[in-house]
């Protein structure tokens, strides 16, 4: 337990930076995203293409917030499950 707490404190354990971009699902989604973004960029006049970049950045910000909230809720749920496992009554079938 001490090792994981030290790793978290020292910034060595960062869940947000440990994405697996090598999965087929991730690669497929990223390819699709890139393809659609390029089609939109090609369809827009040059002076409006910055809006696509702004939209992409805003979407990434929202996604980051949602991921952080999901992680926090998942962590809390895991802690509650552990608490229930150790403090709840033992029921035998």
N, C-alpha and C. Protein backbone atom coordinates (compact mmCIF):
# COMPACT_ATOMS: atom_id res chain seq x y z
N UNK A 1 0.83 -1.20 0.00
CA UNK A 1 0.00 0.00 0.00
C UNK A 1 0.87 1.26 0.00
N UNK A 2 1.97 1.23 0.75
CA UNK A 2 2.84 2.41 0.83
C UNK A 2 3.44 2.75 -0.53
N UNK A 3 3.77 1.73 -1.31
CA UNK A 3 4.39 1.97 -2.62
C UNK A 3 3.43 2.69 -3.56
N UNK A 4 2.18 2.27 -3.57
CA UNK A 4 1.21 2.91 -4.48
C UNK A 4 0.92 4.33 -4.01
N UNK A 5 0.82 4.56 -2.71
CA UNK A 5 0.59 5.92 -2.21
C UNK A 5 1.76 6.83 -2.55
N UNK A 6 2.99 6.30 -2.41
CA UNK A 6 4.17 7.10 -2.76
C UNK A 6 4.19 7.40 -4.26
N UNK A 7 3.83 6.41 -5.08
CA UNK A 7 3.81 6.62 -6.54
C UNK A 7 2.78 7.69 -6.91
N UNK A 8 1.63 7.67 -6.28
CA UNK A 8 0.61 8.69 -6.54
C UNK A 8 1.13 10.05 -6.10
N UNK A 9 1.69 10.13 -4.90
CA UNK A 9 2.21 11.39 -4.37
C UNK A 9 3.32 11.95 -5.25
N UNK A 10 4.21 11.08 -5.69
CA UNK A 10 5.35 11.51 -6.50
C UNK A 10 4.99 11.79 -7.96
N UNK A 11 3.75 11.56 -8.31
CA UNK A 11 3.31 11.82 -9.68
C UNK A 11 3.75 10.76 -10.67
N UNK A 12 4.11 9.59 -10.17
CA UNK A 12 4.56 8.51 -11.05
C UNK A 12 3.39 7.69 -11.58
N UNK A 13 2.25 7.80 -10.96
CA UNK A 13 1.07 7.04 -11.36
C UNK A 13 -0.01 8.00 -11.80
N UNK A 14 -0.16 8.12 -13.11
CA UNK A 14 -1.14 9.04 -13.68
C UNK A 14 -2.05 8.26 -14.61
N UNK A 15 -3.26 8.01 -14.17
CA UNK A 15 -4.21 7.22 -14.95
C UNK A 15 -4.50 7.89 -16.29
N UNK A 16 -4.65 9.21 -16.28
CA UNK A 16 -5.01 9.93 -17.51
C UNK A 16 -3.94 9.80 -18.59
N UNK A 17 -2.72 9.52 -18.22
CA UNK A 17 -1.64 9.42 -19.20
C UNK A 17 -1.32 7.98 -19.57
N UNK A 18 -2.14 7.04 -19.11
CA UNK A 18 -1.84 5.64 -19.39
C UNK A 18 -2.84 5.02 -20.36
N UNK A 19 -3.27 5.79 -21.32
CA UNK A 19 -4.20 5.28 -22.32
C UNK A 19 -3.50 4.28 -23.23
N UNK A 20 -4.28 3.31 -23.69
CA UNK A 20 -3.73 2.33 -24.62
C UNK A 20 -4.24 2.67 -26.02
N UNK A 21 -3.42 3.38 -26.77
CA UNK A 21 -3.81 3.82 -28.11
C UNK A 21 -3.57 2.74 -29.15
N UNK A 22 -3.15 1.56 -28.72
CA UNK A 22 -2.85 0.50 -29.69
C UNK A 22 -4.03 -0.45 -29.90
N UNK A 23 -5.13 -0.24 -29.19
CA UNK A 23 -6.27 -1.14 -29.37
C UNK A 23 -6.93 -0.89 -30.71
N UNK A 24 -7.50 -1.93 -31.30
CA UNK A 24 -8.20 -1.75 -32.58
C UNK A 24 -9.35 -0.74 -32.47
N UNK A 25 -10.06 -0.75 -31.35
CA UNK A 25 -11.18 0.17 -31.16
C UNK A 25 -10.70 1.62 -31.15
N UNK A 26 -9.61 1.89 -30.47
CA UNK A 26 -9.08 3.25 -30.41
C UNK A 26 -8.61 3.70 -31.79
N UNK A 27 -7.85 2.85 -32.45
CA UNK A 27 -7.34 3.20 -33.79
C UNK A 27 -8.48 3.45 -34.77
N UNK A 28 -9.52 2.61 -34.71
CA UNK A 28 -10.66 2.78 -35.59
C UNK A 28 -11.38 4.10 -35.32
N UNK A 29 -11.61 4.39 -34.05
CA UNK A 29 -12.30 5.64 -33.69
C UNK A 29 -11.47 6.85 -34.09
N UNK A 30 -10.16 6.79 -33.89
CA UNK A 30 -9.30 7.91 -34.24
C UNK A 30 -9.24 8.10 -35.75
N UNK A 31 -9.20 7.01 -36.49
CA UNK A 31 -9.21 7.10 -37.96
C UNK A 31 -10.50 7.74 -38.44
N UNK A 32 -11.61 7.32 -37.87
CA UNK A 32 -12.91 7.89 -38.24
C UNK A 32 -12.96 9.38 -37.91
N UNK A 33 -12.50 9.74 -36.70
CA UNK A 33 -12.49 11.14 -36.29
C UNK A 33 -11.66 11.98 -37.25
N UNK A 34 -10.47 11.52 -37.56
CA UNK A 34 -9.56 12.25 -38.45
C UNK A 34 -10.18 12.41 -39.84
N UNK A 35 -10.79 11.35 -40.33
CA UNK A 35 -11.41 11.39 -41.65
C UNK A 35 -12.54 12.43 -41.70
N UNK A 36 -13.40 12.40 -40.70
CA UNK A 36 -14.52 13.36 -40.67
C UNK A 36 -14.00 14.78 -40.51
N UNK A 37 -13.02 14.97 -39.66
CA UNK A 37 -12.46 16.31 -39.45
C UNK A 37 -11.85 16.85 -40.75
N UNK A 38 -11.14 16.00 -41.47
CA UNK A 38 -10.55 16.43 -42.74
C UNK A 38 -11.62 16.80 -43.77
N UNK A 39 -12.71 16.03 -43.82
CA UNK A 39 -13.80 16.33 -44.74
C UNK A 39 -14.43 17.69 -44.41
N UNK A 40 -14.61 17.95 -43.12
CA UNK A 40 -15.17 19.25 -42.71
C UNK A 40 -14.22 20.37 -43.06
N UNK A 41 -12.94 20.18 -42.79
CA UNK A 41 -11.94 21.22 -43.09
C UNK A 41 -11.91 21.53 -44.59
N UNK A 42 -11.99 20.50 -45.41
CA UNK A 42 -11.97 20.69 -46.87
C UNK A 42 -13.22 21.41 -47.36
N UNK A 43 -14.34 21.23 -46.65
CA UNK A 43 -15.60 21.83 -47.08
C UNK A 43 -15.72 23.30 -46.66
N UNK A 44 -14.93 23.72 -45.70
CA UNK A 44 -15.02 25.09 -45.19
C UNK A 44 -14.05 26.03 -45.88
N UNK A 45 -14.43 27.30 -45.97
CA UNK A 45 -13.46 28.30 -46.44
C UNK A 45 -12.30 28.39 -45.44
N UNK A 46 -11.15 28.74 -45.93
CA UNK A 46 -9.93 28.79 -45.11
C UNK A 46 -10.13 29.58 -43.81
N UNK A 47 -10.82 30.72 -43.89
CA UNK A 47 -10.96 31.59 -42.71
C UNK A 47 -11.86 30.98 -41.63
N UNK A 48 -12.62 29.94 -41.95
CA UNK A 48 -13.50 29.32 -40.96
C UNK A 48 -12.95 28.01 -40.40
N UNK A 49 -11.82 27.57 -40.88
CA UNK A 49 -11.26 26.28 -40.45
C UNK A 49 -10.81 26.30 -39.00
N UNK A 50 -10.48 27.47 -38.52
CA UNK A 50 -10.09 27.58 -37.11
C UNK A 50 -11.22 27.20 -36.17
N UNK A 51 -12.45 27.38 -36.63
CA UNK A 51 -13.59 27.00 -35.81
C UNK A 51 -13.62 25.49 -35.55
N UNK A 52 -13.21 24.71 -36.53
CA UNK A 52 -13.17 23.26 -36.35
C UNK A 52 -12.14 22.91 -35.28
N UNK A 53 -11.00 23.57 -35.32
CA UNK A 53 -9.98 23.33 -34.30
C UNK A 53 -10.49 23.72 -32.91
N UNK A 54 -11.17 24.87 -32.83
CA UNK A 54 -11.75 25.30 -31.55
C UNK A 54 -12.76 24.29 -31.04
N UNK A 55 -13.61 23.79 -31.93
CA UNK A 55 -14.60 22.80 -31.55
C UNK A 55 -13.93 21.53 -31.06
N UNK A 56 -12.90 21.12 -31.75
CA UNK A 56 -12.16 19.92 -31.35
C UNK A 56 -11.55 20.08 -29.97
N UNK A 57 -10.95 21.24 -29.70
CA UNK A 57 -10.34 21.49 -28.39
C UNK A 57 -11.40 21.57 -27.29
N UNK A 58 -12.53 22.21 -27.58
CA UNK A 58 -13.60 22.31 -26.59
C UNK A 58 -14.17 20.92 -26.29
N UNK A 59 -14.30 20.10 -27.32
CA UNK A 59 -14.79 18.74 -27.13
C UNK A 59 -13.81 17.93 -26.28
N UNK A 60 -12.52 18.10 -26.53
CA UNK A 60 -11.51 17.40 -25.74
C UNK A 60 -11.56 17.84 -24.28
N UNK A 61 -11.78 19.13 -24.05
CA UNK A 61 -11.90 19.62 -22.67
C UNK A 61 -13.09 18.99 -21.96
N UNK A 62 -14.24 18.96 -22.64
CA UNK A 62 -15.44 18.35 -22.05
C UNK A 62 -15.18 16.87 -21.78
N UNK A 63 -14.59 16.17 -22.74
CA UNK A 63 -14.30 14.76 -22.57
C UNK A 63 -13.36 14.52 -21.39
N UNK A 64 -12.37 15.38 -21.23
CA UNK A 64 -11.46 15.26 -20.11
C UNK A 64 -12.16 15.41 -18.77
N UNK A 65 -13.08 16.35 -18.70
CA UNK A 65 -13.85 16.56 -17.47
C UNK A 65 -14.71 15.34 -17.17
N UNK A 66 -15.38 14.83 -18.19
CA UNK A 66 -16.23 13.65 -18.01
C UNK A 66 -15.40 12.45 -17.57
N UNK A 67 -14.24 12.25 -18.19
CA UNK A 67 -13.37 11.14 -17.80
C UNK A 67 -12.91 11.27 -16.36
N UNK A 68 -12.57 12.48 -15.94
CA UNK A 68 -12.14 12.70 -14.56
C UNK A 68 -13.28 12.39 -13.60
N UNK A 69 -14.48 12.86 -13.91
CA UNK A 69 -15.63 12.59 -13.05
C UNK A 69 -15.93 11.09 -12.99
N UNK A 70 -15.86 10.41 -14.13
CA UNK A 70 -16.09 8.97 -14.15
C UNK A 70 -15.05 8.23 -13.32
N UNK A 71 -13.79 8.66 -13.42
CA UNK A 71 -12.74 8.03 -12.62
C UNK A 71 -13.01 8.22 -11.13
N UNK A 72 -13.35 9.46 -10.75
CA UNK A 72 -13.62 9.74 -9.33
C UNK A 72 -14.78 8.91 -8.82
N UNK A 73 -15.86 8.84 -9.59
CA UNK A 73 -17.02 8.04 -9.17
C UNK A 73 -16.68 6.56 -9.11
N UNK A 74 -15.92 6.08 -10.07
CA UNK A 74 -15.51 4.67 -10.06
C UNK A 74 -14.62 4.35 -8.87
N UNK A 75 -13.73 5.26 -8.55
CA UNK A 75 -12.86 5.07 -7.39
C UNK A 75 -13.67 5.03 -6.11
N UNK A 76 -14.63 5.95 -6.00
CA UNK A 76 -15.50 5.98 -4.83
C UNK A 76 -16.31 4.69 -4.71
N UNK A 77 -16.84 4.22 -5.83
CA UNK A 77 -17.60 2.98 -5.82
C UNK A 77 -16.72 1.82 -5.39
N UNK A 78 -15.51 1.75 -5.92
CA UNK A 78 -14.59 0.69 -5.52
C UNK A 78 -14.29 0.73 -4.03
N UNK A 79 -14.09 1.94 -3.50
CA UNK A 79 -13.82 2.08 -2.07
C UNK A 79 -15.04 1.64 -1.25
N UNK A 80 -16.23 2.00 -1.71
CA UNK A 80 -17.45 1.59 -1.00
C UNK A 80 -17.62 0.07 -1.04
N UNK A 81 -17.28 -0.55 -2.18
CA UNK A 81 -17.36 -2.00 -2.26
C UNK A 81 -16.38 -2.67 -1.30
N UNK A 82 -15.17 -2.13 -1.22
CA UNK A 82 -14.19 -2.67 -0.28
C UNK A 82 -14.65 -2.50 1.16
N UNK A 83 -15.20 -1.35 1.45
CA UNK A 83 -15.72 -1.08 2.79
C UNK A 83 -16.83 -2.07 3.13
N UNK A 84 -17.74 -2.30 2.20
CA UNK A 84 -18.84 -3.23 2.43
C UNK A 84 -18.31 -4.66 2.60
N UNK A 85 -17.27 -5.00 1.86
CA UNK A 85 -16.70 -6.35 1.96
C UNK A 85 -16.11 -6.60 3.34
N UNK A 86 -15.55 -5.58 3.96
CA UNK A 86 -14.89 -5.77 5.24
C UNK A 86 -15.75 -5.43 6.44
N UNK A 87 -16.84 -4.70 6.23
CA UNK A 87 -17.64 -4.30 7.38
C UNK A 87 -19.04 -4.89 7.37
N UNK A 88 -19.47 -5.39 6.22
CA UNK A 88 -20.83 -5.95 6.13
C UNK A 88 -20.92 -7.30 6.81
N UNK A 89 -22.13 -7.70 7.11
CA UNK A 89 -22.30 -9.01 7.75
C UNK A 89 -21.97 -10.13 6.78
N UNK A 90 -21.42 -11.20 7.28
CA UNK A 90 -21.11 -12.36 6.47
C UNK A 90 -22.36 -13.20 6.33
N UNK A 91 -22.79 -13.36 5.10
CA UNK A 91 -23.99 -14.15 4.84
C UNK A 91 -23.59 -15.41 4.08
N UNK A 92 -23.93 -16.53 4.64
CA UNK A 92 -23.64 -17.81 3.99
C UNK A 92 -24.93 -18.33 3.38
N UNK A 93 -24.87 -18.61 2.09
CA UNK A 93 -25.95 -19.03 1.26
C UNK A 93 -27.06 -19.77 1.80
